[in-house]
Amino acid sequence: MMQPEITAYRHPATGTVTYLIVDPATFLCAIVDPVLDFDPATEAVDTSFVDGIIADIRAKDLGPTWILETGLHANHVSAAGHLKYETGASVCIGANVVESLKRLAPKFNEPMVDVEGWDFDKLAQDGDSFPMGGVEFTPIALTGRLPGAVAYRMGDVLFTGDLMLAPGEGAGRCDIPGADAGKVWDDARKFLKLPPQTRVLPGVCAGETCESTIGEEKTANIQLNETIDRLDFIALRTAADAFLPDPVLASAALRVAIRSGKLPSEPESGPRFPVVDITTL
């Protein structure tokens, strides 16, 4: 059986990693967590980063099928809307996103958001696999993030979003809306039960080397290895988060995320991305 081809594109400004997955048998492809360039100070939006990925897709004559969101992002602005418009690919997120939409849409004063999730093309149920040519994706629902967050397993590959990172980086921050350090530890236990050779591809990466294996995570992850218990992880993550800068993209990122990656319209006056106090979310 031919293995899918995976290309990682790291977004320098946010550290987010977008993945292009290609089924070599059918030339169908999927994109995991596409990113827009966004300046919160000026509200300037730029599509250059994701347009580079679209150019690669067209150059290889691929058939975009899925845009796989690992959750409602607070650390980057999703380019899913732009990517869908340009390629026709369908946007997928975890089915539990409905819980988040019902809570967040009123807080962001977004009455046009469909709180039943119809702005997304697929609401993926935990463990319910779906195909792309000869490739099959299996969502794993995550409880340590806003409802709707998922990891995606594809054969011996696991896309972990911003939950489990490279061994030297530990876990994603747990001081953002919907995050719960204890539940992140619980989610990581699901991952560590997978075969040790399973490749781990995180959605956030600070360094040059992002990819690892479950075996490496079990022994070497500085916050989530198999010897660190739940209470110790909560203490480690809480201490680490205290030194991180404020998540300045969170308000705009979540506003776009609940719209299935589509940008709000330009207003006649006032800001396009009115700031919402994320501490109330």
C-alpha atoms as a PDB file:
ATOM      1  CA  MET A   1       0.000   0.000   0.000  1.00  0.00           C
ATOM      2  CA  MET A   2       1.364   3.401  -0.997  1.00  0.00           C
ATOM      3  CA  GLN A   3       1.973   5.824   1.859  1.00  0.00           C
ATOM      4  CA  PRO A   4       0.471   9.311   1.635  1.00  0.00           C
ATOM      5  CA  GLU A   5       2.874  12.155   0.980  1.00  0.00           C
ATOM      6  CA  ILE A   6       2.924  14.811   3.721  1.00  0.00           C
ATOM      7  CA  THR A   7       4.458  18.260   3.377  1.00  0.00           C
ATOM      8  CA  ALA A   8       4.744  20.599   6.378  1.00  0.00           C
ATOM      9  CA  TYR A   9       4.554  24.382   5.969  1.00  0.00           C
ATOM     10  CA  ARG A  10       5.539  26.294   9.104  1.00  0.00           C
ATOM     11  CA  HIS A  11       3.991  29.748   9.540  1.00  0.00           C
ATOM     12  CA  PRO A  12       6.819  31.837  11.029  1.00  0.00           C
ATOM     13  CA  ALA A  13       4.704  34.494  12.749  1.00  0.00           C
ATOM     14  CA  THR A  14       2.602  32.054  14.792  1.00  0.00           C
ATOM     15  CA  GLY A  15       4.638  28.834  14.784  1.00  0.00           C
ATOM     16  CA  THR A  16       1.579  27.045  13.401  1.00  0.00           C
ATOM     17  CA  VAL A  17       2.253  24.167  11.014  1.00  0.00           C
ATOM     18  CA  THR A  18      -0.065  23.560   8.057  1.00  0.00           C
ATOM     19  CA  TYR A  19       0.135  20.107   6.493  1.00  0.00           C
ATOM     20  CA  LEU A  20      -0.608  19.075   2.907  1.00  0.00           C
ATOM     21  CA  ILE A  21      -1.538  15.392   2.643  1.00  0.00           C
ATOM     22  CA  VAL A  22      -1.530  13.769  -0.791  1.00  0.00           C
ATOM     23  CA  ASP A  23      -2.873  10.331  -1.708  1.00  0.00           C
ATOM     24  CA  PRO A  24      -0.394   9.292  -4.455  1.00  0.00           C
ATOM     25  CA  ALA A  25      -2.850   6.782  -5.897  1.00  0.00           C
ATOM     26  CA  THR A  26      -5.586   9.321  -6.662  1.00  0.00           C
ATOM     27  CA  PHE A  27      -3.814  12.710  -6.326  1.00  0.00           C
ATOM     28  CA  LEU A  28      -6.528  13.799  -3.918  1.00  0.00           C
ATOM     29  CA  CYS A  29      -5.286  15.971  -1.093  1.00  0.00           C
ATOM     30  CA  ALA A  30      -6.234  17.399   2.292  1.00  0.00           C
ATOM     31  CA  ILE A  31      -4.939  20.429   4.155  1.00  0.00           C
ATOM     32  CA  VAL A  32      -4.638  20.466   7.958  1.00  0.00           C
ATOM     33  CA  ASP A  33      -4.979  23.820   9.803  1.00  0.00           C
ATOM     34  CA  PRO A  34      -4.399  26.435   7.074  1.00  0.00           C
ATOM     35  CA  VAL A  35      -3.273  29.873   8.321  1.00  0.00           C
ATOM     36  CA  LEU A  36      -3.875  33.510   7.346  1.00  0.00           C
ATOM     37  CA  ASP A  37      -1.382  36.251   8.038  1.00  0.00           C
ATOM     38  CA  PHE A  38      -3.077  38.750  10.365  1.00  0.00           C
ATOM     39  CA  ASP A  39      -1.832  41.888  12.092  1.00  0.00           C
ATOM     40  CA  PRO A  40      -4.009  42.584  15.149  1.00  0.00           C
ATOM     41  CA  ALA A  41      -2.744  46.184  15.395  1.00  0.00           C
ATOM     42  CA  THR A  42      -3.875  47.170  11.884  1.00  0.00           C
ATOM     43  CA  GLU A  43      -6.385  44.356  11.158  1.00  0.00           C
ATOM     44  CA  ALA A  44      -4.482  43.745   7.929  1.00  0.00           C
ATOM     45  CA  VAL A  45      -5.102  40.322   6.392  1.00  0.00           C
ATOM     46  CA  ASP A  46      -2.739  38.704   3.912  1.00  0.00           C
ATOM     47  CA  THR A  47      -3.157  35.376   2.104  1.00  0.00           C
ATOM     48  CA  SER A  48       0.438  34.985   0.907  1.00  0.00           C
ATOM     49  CA  PHE A  49       1.241  32.020   3.151  1.00  0.00           C
ATOM     50  CA  VAL A  50      -1.769  29.910   2.220  1.00  0.00           C
ATOM     51  CA  ASP A  51      -1.567  31.048  -1.415  1.00  0.00           C
ATOM     52  CA  GLY A  52       1.865  29.435  -1.553  1.00  0.00           C
ATOM     53  CA  ILE A  53       0.294  26.129  -0.553  1.00  0.00           C
ATOM     54  CA  ILE A  54      -2.489  26.593  -3.105  1.00  0.00           C
ATOM     55  CA  ALA A  55       0.169  27.223  -5.762  1.00  0.00           C
ATOM     56  CA  ASP A  56       1.841  23.916  -4.864  1.00  0.00           C
ATOM     57  CA  ILE A  57      -1.518  22.125  -5.077  1.00  0.00           C
ATOM     58  CA  ARG A  58      -2.137  23.536  -8.555  1.00  0.00           C
ATOM     59  CA  ALA A  59       1.397  22.904  -9.733  1.00  0.00           C
ATOM     60  CA  LYS A  60       1.012  19.221  -8.827  1.00  0.00           C
ATOM     61  CA  ASP A  61      -2.522  19.082 -10.297  1.00  0.00           C
ATOM     62  CA  LEU A  62      -3.975  17.775  -7.038  1.00  0.00           C
ATOM     63  CA  GLY A  63      -7.646  17.457  -6.128  1.00  0.00           C
ATOM     64  CA  PRO A  64      -8.333  19.275  -2.831  1.00  0.00           C
ATOM     65  CA  THR A  65     -10.920  17.285  -0.874  1.00  0.00           C
ATOM     66  CA  TRP A  66     -10.711  18.166   2.822  1.00  0.00           C
ATOM     67  CA  ILE A  67      -9.691  21.096   4.973  1.00  0.00           C
ATOM     68  CA  LEU A  68      -9.152  19.464   8.362  1.00  0.00           C
ATOM     69  CA  GLU A  69      -9.435  21.864  11.284  1.00  0.00           C
ATOM     70  CA  THR A  70      -8.119  20.489  14.576  1.00  0.00           C
ATOM     71  CA  GLY A  71     -10.307  22.940  16.474  1.00  0.00           C
ATOM     72  CA  LEU A  72     -11.515  26.501  16.921  1.00  0.00           C
ATOM     73  CA  HIS A  73      -8.131  28.141  16.930  1.00  0.00           C
ATOM     74  CA  ALA A  74      -6.984  30.881  19.276  1.00  0.00           C
ATOM     75  CA  ASN A  75      -3.325  30.966  18.224  1.00  0.00           C
ATOM     76  CA  HIS A  76      -3.785  31.725  14.526  1.00  0.00           C
ATOM     77  CA  VAL A  77      -6.431  33.012  12.140  1.00  0.00           C
ATOM     78  CA  SER A  78      -7.816  30.196  10.007  1.00  0.00           C
ATOM     79  CA  ALA A  79      -7.517  30.393   6.240  1.00  0.00           C
ATOM     80  CA  ALA A  80     -10.192  27.723   5.734  1.00  0.00           C
ATOM     81  CA  GLY A  81     -12.635  30.170   4.140  1.00  0.00           C
ATOM     82  CA  HIS A  82     -10.101  31.438   1.615  1.00  0.00           C
ATOM     83  CA  LEU A  83      -8.867  27.921   0.871  1.00  0.00           C
ATOM     84  CA  LYS A  84     -12.393  26.635   0.343  1.00  0.00           C
ATOM     85  CA  TYR A  85     -13.193  29.532  -2.002  1.00  0.00           C
ATOM     86  CA  GLU A  86     -10.036  28.934  -4.036  1.00  0.00           C
ATOM     87  CA  THR A  87     -10.134  25.125  -4.196  1.00  0.00           C
ATOM     88  CA  GLY A  88     -13.643  23.907  -3.383  1.00  0.00           C
ATOM     89  CA  ALA A  89     -12.404  21.648  -0.567  1.00  0.00           C
ATOM     90  CA  SER A  90     -14.816  20.830   2.279  1.00  0.00           C
ATOM     91  CA  VAL A  91     -14.188  22.074   5.822  1.00  0.00           C
ATOM     92  CA  CYS A  92     -14.203  19.444   8.573  1.00  0.00           C
ATOM     93  CA  ILE A  93     -14.123  19.929  12.344  1.00  0.00           C
ATOM     94  CA  GLY A  94     -15.172  17.889  15.379  1.00  0.00           C
ATOM     95  CA  ALA A  95     -18.906  17.384  15.904  1.00  0.00           C
ATOM     96  CA  ASN A  96     -18.791  18.827  19.421  1.00  0.00           C
ATOM     97  CA  VAL A  97     -18.104  22.252  17.909  1.00  0.00           C
ATOM     98  CA  VAL A  98     -21.864  22.832  18.153  1.00  0.00           C
ATOM     99  CA  GLU A  99     -21.444  23.271  21.916  1.00  0.00           C
ATOM    100  CA  SER A 100     -18.842  25.976  21.327  1.00  0.00           C
ATOM    101  CA  LEU A 101     -20.847  27.757  18.643  1.00  0.00           C
ATOM    102  CA  LYS A 102     -23.910  28.055  20.863  1.00  0.00           C
ATOM    103  CA  ARG A 103     -21.794  29.647  23.578  1.00  0.00           C
ATOM    104  CA  LEU A 104     -19.393  31.767  21.547  1.00  0.00           C
ATOM    105  CA  ALA A 105     -21.554  33.192  18.741  1.00  0.00           C
ATOM    106  CA  PRO A 106     -23.626  35.368  21.131  1.00  0.00           C
ATOM    107  CA  LYS A 107     -20.504  36.537  22.972  1.00  0.00           C
ATOM    108  CA  PHE A 108     -18.952  37.638  19.688  1.00  0.00           C
ATOM    109  CA  ASN A 109     -22.250  39.181  18.562  1.00  0.00           C
ATOM    110  CA  GLU A 110     -22.227  37.019  15.441  1.00  0.00           C
ATOM    111  CA  PRO A 111     -25.943  36.392  14.753  1.00  0.00           C
ATOM    112  CA  MET A 112     -25.249  34.970  11.274  1.00  0.00           C
ATOM    113  CA  VAL A 113     -23.214  32.041  12.625  1.00  0.00           C
ATOM    114  CA  ASP A 114     -25.228  28.846  12.339  1.00  0.00           C
ATOM    115  CA  VAL A 115     -25.012  27.440  15.857  1.00  0.00           C
ATOM    116  CA  GLU A 116     -25.998  23.976  14.615  1.00  0.00           C
ATOM    117  CA  GLY A 117     -22.731  23.807  12.676  1.00  0.00           C
ATOM    118  CA  TRP A 118     -24.050  24.058   9.121  1.00  0.00           C
ATOM    119  CA  ASP A 119     -21.324  26.571   8.209  1.00  0.00           C
ATOM    120  CA  PHE A 120     -18.970  23.589   8.309  1.00  0.00           C
ATOM    121  CA  ASP A 121     -19.210  20.896   5.650  1.00  0.00           C
ATOM    122  CA  LYS A 122     -18.523  17.952   7.942  1.00  0.00           C
ATOM    123  CA  LEU A 123     -18.888  17.524  11.684  1.00  0.00           C
ATOM    124  CA  ALA A 124     -16.639  14.576  12.446  1.00  0.00           C
ATOM    125  CA  GLN A 125     -17.733  12.161  15.145  1.00  0.00           C
ATOM    126  CA  ASP A 126     -15.131  10.684  17.475  1.00  0.00           C
ATOM    127  CA  GLY A 127     -13.796   7.458  15.955  1.00  0.00           C
ATOM    128  CA  ASP A 128     -15.969   7.680  12.825  1.00  0.00           C
ATOM    129  CA  SER A 129     -13.547   7.277   9.916  1.00  0.00           C
ATOM    130  CA  PHE A 130     -14.008   8.949   6.550  1.00  0.00           C
ATOM    131  CA  PRO A 131     -12.069   8.453   3.298  1.00  0.00           C
ATOM    132  CA  MET A 132     -10.024  10.421   0.804  1.00  0.00           C
ATOM    133  CA  GLY A 133      -9.194   8.106  -2.058  1.00  0.00           C
ATOM    134  CA  GLY A 134      -7.021   5.364  -0.580  1.00  0.00           C
ATOM    135  CA  VAL A 135      -6.474   7.338   2.641  1.00  0.00           C
ATOM    136  CA  GLU A 136      -8.740   7.200   5.696  1.00  0.00           C
ATOM    137  CA  PHE A 137      -8.969   9.737   8.524  1.00  0.00           C
ATOM    138  CA  THR A 138     -10.166   8.903  12.028  1.00  0.00           C
ATOM    139  CA  PRO A 139     -10.979  11.837  14.350  1.00  0.00           C
ATOM    140  CA  ILE A 140     -10.118  11.597  18.035  1.00  0.00           C
ATOM    141  CA  ALA A 141     -12.213  14.036  20.078  1.00  0.00           C
ATOM    142  CA  LEU A 142     -10.191  16.167  22.495  1.00  0.00           C
ATOM    143  CA  THR A 143     -11.619  17.358  25.791  1.00  0.00           C
ATOM    144  CA  GLY A 144      -8.791  19.682  26.816  1.00  0.00           C
ATOM    145  CA  ARG A 145      -9.693  22.300  24.227  1.00  0.00           C
ATOM    146  CA  LEU A 146     -12.903  24.048  23.184  1.00  0.00           C
ATOM    147  CA  PRO A 147     -15.560  21.497  22.175  1.00  0.00           C
ATOM    148  CA  GLY A 148     -14.994  20.564  18.536  1.00  0.00           C
ATOM    149  CA  ALA A 149     -11.254  20.038  18.886  1.00  0.00           C
ATOM    150  CA  VAL A 150      -9.968  16.820  17.345  1.00  0.00           C
ATOM    151  CA  ALA A 151      -6.782  15.023  16.486  1.00  0.00           C
ATOM    152  CA  TYR A 152      -6.765  13.152  13.187  1.00  0.00           C
ATOM    153  CA  ARG A 153      -5.263   9.689  12.820  1.00  0.00           C
ATOM    154  CA  MET A 154      -4.305   8.536   9.343  1.00  0.00           C
ATOM    155  CA  GLY A 155      -2.768   5.065   9.365  1.00  0.00           C
ATOM    156  CA  ASP A 156       0.455   5.404  11.340  1.00  0.00           C
ATOM    157  CA  VAL A 157       0.290   9.223  11.424  1.00  0.00           C
ATOM    158  CA  LEU A 158      -1.333  11.378  14.112  1.00  0.00           C
ATOM    159  CA  PHE A 159      -2.041  15.094  13.696  1.00  0.00           C
ATOM    160  CA  THR A 160      -2.273  16.415  17.257  1.00  0.00           C
ATOM    161  CA  GLY A 161      -3.134  20.075  16.683  1.00  0.00           C
ATOM    162  CA  ASP A 162      -1.865  22.272  19.525  1.00  0.00           C
ATOM    163  CA  LEU A 163      -2.279  19.639  22.235  1.00  0.00           C
ATOM    164  CA  MET A 164       0.781  17.359  22.149  1.00  0.00           C
ATOM    165  CA  LEU A 165       3.849  19.043  20.690  1.00  0.00           C
ATOM    166  CA  ALA A 166       7.415  17.914  19.994  1.00  0.00           C
ATOM    167  CA  PRO A 167       9.046  16.167  22.993  1.00  0.00           C
ATOM    168  CA  GLY A 168      11.178  19.187  23.859  1.00  0.00           C
ATOM    169  CA  GLU A 169       8.172  21.521  23.763  1.00  0.00           C
ATOM    170  CA  GLY A 170       5.683  19.534  25.833  1.00  0.00           C
ATOM    171  CA  ALA A 171       2.062  20.587  25.400  1.00  0.00           C
ATOM    172  CA  GLY A 172       0.235  23.581  23.974  1.00  0.00           C
ATOM    173  CA  ARG A 173      -0.645  26.432  26.312  1.00  0.00           C
ATOM    174  CA  CYS A 174      -3.600  25.915  28.611  1.00  0.00           C
ATOM    175  CA  ASP A 175      -4.495  29.530  29.402  1.00  0.00           C
ATOM    176  CA  ILE A 176      -6.562  30.068  26.245  1.00  0.00           C
ATOM    177  CA  PRO A 177     -10.375  29.873  25.992  1.00  0.00           C
ATOM    178  CA  GLY A 178     -11.683  26.372  26.582  1.00  0.00           C
ATOM    179  CA  ALA A 179      -8.368  24.864  27.624  1.00  0.00           C
ATOM    180  CA  ASP A 180      -8.168  22.623  30.679  1.00  0.00           C
ATOM    181  CA  ALA A 181      -4.760  21.314  31.701  1.00  0.00           C
ATOM    182  CA  GLY A 182      -6.139  18.236  33.451  1.00  0.00           C
ATOM    183  CA  LYS A 183      -8.150  17.248  30.414  1.00  0.00           C
ATOM    184  CA  VAL A 184      -5.142  17.844  28.148  1.00  0.00           C
ATOM    185  CA  TRP A 185      -3.306  15.228  30.214  1.00  0.00           C
ATOM    186  CA  ASP A 186      -6.309  12.897  29.788  1.00  0.00           C
ATOM    187  CA  ASP A 187      -6.276  13.433  26.009  1.00  0.00           C
ATOM    188  CA  ALA A 188      -2.554  12.717  25.854  1.00  0.00           C
ATOM    189  CA  ARG A 189      -3.157   9.318  27.497  1.00  0.00           C
ATOM    190  CA  LYS A 190      -5.270   8.393  24.434  1.00  0.00           C
ATOM    191  CA  PHE A 191      -2.309   9.214  22.202  1.00  0.00           C
ATOM    192  CA  LEU A 192       0.238   7.314  24.296  1.00  0.00           C
ATOM    193  CA  LYS A 193      -1.806   4.116  23.911  1.00  0.00           C
ATOM    194  CA  LEU A 194      -1.181   4.129  20.146  1.00  0.00           C
ATOM    195  CA  PRO A 195       1.612   1.989  18.649  1.00  0.00           C
ATOM    196  CA  PRO A 196       5.043   3.458  19.486  1.00  0.00           C
ATOM    197  CA  GLN A 197       5.998   3.839  15.809  1.00  0.00           C
ATOM    198  CA  THR A 198       3.018   6.167  15.175  1.00  0.00           C
ATOM    199  CA  ARG A 199       4.299   9.441  13.732  1.00  0.00           C
ATOM    200  CA  VAL A 200       3.284  12.567  15.675  1.00  0.00           C
ATOM    201  CA  LEU A 201       2.784  15.737  13.608  1.00  0.00           C
ATOM    202  CA  PRO A 202       1.889  18.684  15.858  1.00  0.00           C
ATOM    203  CA  GLY A 203       0.051  21.797  14.729  1.00  0.00           C
ATOM    204  CA  VAL A 204       2.470  24.130  16.532  1.00  0.00           C
ATOM    205  CA  CYS A 205       6.249  23.973  16.452  1.00  0.00           C
ATOM    206  CA  ALA A 206       8.842  26.395  17.787  1.00  0.00           C
ATOM    207  CA  GLY A 207      11.928  24.717  16.359  1.00  0.00           C
ATOM    208  CA  GLU A 208      13.261  23.130  13.206  1.00  0.00           C
ATOM    209  CA  THR A 209      12.265  19.568  14.151  1.00  0.00           C
ATOM    210  CA  CYS A 210       8.541  19.075  14.712  1.00  0.00           C
ATOM    211  CA  GLU A 211       7.889  15.425  13.953  1.00  0.00           C
ATOM    212  CA  SER A 212       8.323  12.700  16.541  1.00  0.00           C
ATOM    213  CA  THR A 213       6.833   9.286  17.341  1.00  0.00           C
ATOM    214  CA  ILE A 214       4.569   8.087  20.110  1.00  0.00           C
ATOM    215  CA  GLY A 215       7.495   6.092  21.457  1.00  0.00           C
ATOM    216  CA  GLU A 216       9.586   9.261  21.683  1.00  0.00           C
ATOM    217  CA  GLU A 217       6.729  11.192  23.282  1.00  0.00           C
ATOM    218  CA  LYS A 218       6.232   8.486  25.919  1.00  0.00           C
ATOM    219  CA  THR A 219       9.838   8.644  27.022  1.00  0.00           C
ATOM    220  CA  ALA A 220      10.936  12.215  26.282  1.00  0.00           C
ATOM    221  CA  ASN A 221       8.016  14.684  26.230  1.00  0.00           C
ATOM    222  CA  ILE A 222       8.998  17.179  28.926  1.00  0.00           C
ATOM    223  CA  GLN A 223       5.406  17.582  30.157  1.00  0.00           C
ATOM    224  CA  LEU A 224       3.410  14.634  28.855  1.00  0.00           C
ATOM    225  CA  ASN A 225       5.692  11.598  29.077  1.00  0.00           C
ATOM    226  CA  GLU A 226       4.280   8.441  30.634  1.00  0.00           C
ATOM    227  CA  THR A 227       5.949   9.041  34.020  1.00  0.00           C
ATOM    228  CA  ILE A 228       4.369  12.464  34.677  1.00  0.00           C
ATOM    229  CA  ASP A 229       1.065  12.212  36.528  1.00  0.00           C
ATOM    230  CA  ARG A 230      -1.972  14.447  36.097  1.00  0.00           C
ATOM    231  CA  LEU A 231      -1.309  16.798  39.033  1.00  0.00           C
ATOM    232  CA  ASP A 232       2.345  17.248  38.086  1.00  0.00           C
ATOM    233  CA  PHE A 233       1.377  18.120  34.520  1.00  0.00           C
ATOM    234  CA  ILE A 234      -1.150  20.703  35.691  1.00  0.00           C
ATOM    235  CA  ALA A 235       1.543  22.317  37.836  1.00  0.00           C
ATOM    236  CA  LEU A 236       4.119  22.252  35.026  1.00  0.00           C
ATOM    237  CA  ARG A 237       1.749  23.686  32.442  1.00  0.00           C
ATOM    238  CA  THR A 238       0.382  26.371  34.752  1.00  0.00           C
ATOM    239  CA  ALA A 239       3.894  27.531  35.607  1.00  0.00           C
ATOM    240  CA  ALA A 240       4.916  27.608  31.947  1.00  0.00           C
ATOM    241  CA  ASP A 241       1.813  29.542  30.879  1.00  0.00           C
ATOM    242  CA  ALA A 242       2.517  32.242  33.468  1.00  0.00           C
ATOM    243  CA  PHE A 243       5.590  33.301  31.469  1.00  0.00           C
ATOM    244  CA  LEU A 244       3.962  33.303  28.023  1.00  0.00           C
ATOM    245  CA  PRO A 245       2.843  36.541  26.331  1.00  0.00           C
ATOM    246  CA  ASP A 246      -0.859  37.308  26.159  1.00  0.00           C
ATOM    247  CA  PRO A 247      -2.610  35.485  23.278  1.00  0.00           C
ATOM    248  CA  VAL A 248      -3.157  38.652  21.224  1.00  0.00           C
ATOM    249  CA  LEU A 249      -4.642  36.795  18.240  1.00  0.00           C
ATOM    250  CA  ALA A 250      -7.257  34.915  20.256  1.00  0.00           C
ATOM    251  CA  SER A 251     -10.164  37.334  19.887  1.00  0.00           C
ATOM    252  CA  ALA A 252      -9.855  37.733  16.106  1.00  0.00           C
ATOM    253  CA  ALA A 253      -8.903  34.076  15.614  1.00  0.00           C
ATOM    254  CA  LEU A 254     -11.964  32.756  17.432  1.00  0.00           C
ATOM    255  CA  ARG A 255     -14.243  35.206  15.620  1.00  0.00           C
ATOM    256  CA  VAL A 256     -13.049  33.770  12.292  1.00  0.00           C
ATOM    257  CA  ALA A 257     -13.015  30.193  13.570  1.00  0.00           C
ATOM    258  CA  ILE A 258     -16.701  30.152  14.539  1.00  0.00           C
ATOM    259  CA  ARG A 259     -17.468  31.423  11.015  1.00  0.00           C
ATOM    260  CA  SER A 260     -15.828  28.286   9.550  1.00  0.00           C
ATOM    261  CA  GLY A 261     -12.777  30.314   8.565  1.00  0.00           C
ATOM    262  CA  LYS A 262     -14.654  33.074   6.757  1.00  0.00           C
ATOM    263  CA  LEU A 263     -13.708  36.682   7.501  1.00  0.00           C
ATOM    264  CA  PRO A 264     -16.309  39.136   8.792  1.00  0.00           C
ATOM    265  CA  SER A 265     -17.487  41.758   6.311  1.00  0.00           C
ATOM    266  CA  GLU A 266     -15.868  45.173   6.221  1.00  0.00           C
ATOM    267  CA  PRO A 267     -18.005  47.485   8.399  1.00  0.00           C
ATOM    268  CA  GLU A 268     -19.054  50.981   7.328  1.00  0.00           C
ATOM    269  CA  SER A 269     -17.352  52.262  10.461  1.00  0.00           C
ATOM    270  CA  GLY A 270     -15.487  50.846  13.409  1.00  0.00           C
ATOM    271  CA  PRO A 271     -13.197  47.811  13.584  1.00  0.00           C
ATOM    272  CA  ARG A 272     -13.687  44.751  11.438  1.00  0.00           C
ATOM    273  CA  PHE A 273     -12.611  42.546  14.342  1.00  0.00           C
ATOM    274  CA  PRO A 274     -14.078  44.087  17.516  1.00  0.00           C
ATOM    275  CA  VAL A 275     -12.064  42.848  20.462  1.00  0.00           C
ATOM    276  CA  VAL A 276     -13.798  40.502  22.882  1.00  0.00           C
ATOM    277  CA  ASP A 277     -12.394  39.954  26.364  1.00  0.00           C
ATOM    278  CA  ILE A 278     -11.345  36.321  26.058  1.00  0.00           C
ATOM    279  CA  THR A 279     -11.133  35.950  29.832  1.00  0.00           C
ATOM    280  CA  THR A 280     -14.949  35.877  29.814  1.00  0.00           C
ATOM    281  CA  LEU A 281     -15.069  32.954  27.390  1.00  0.00           C
END
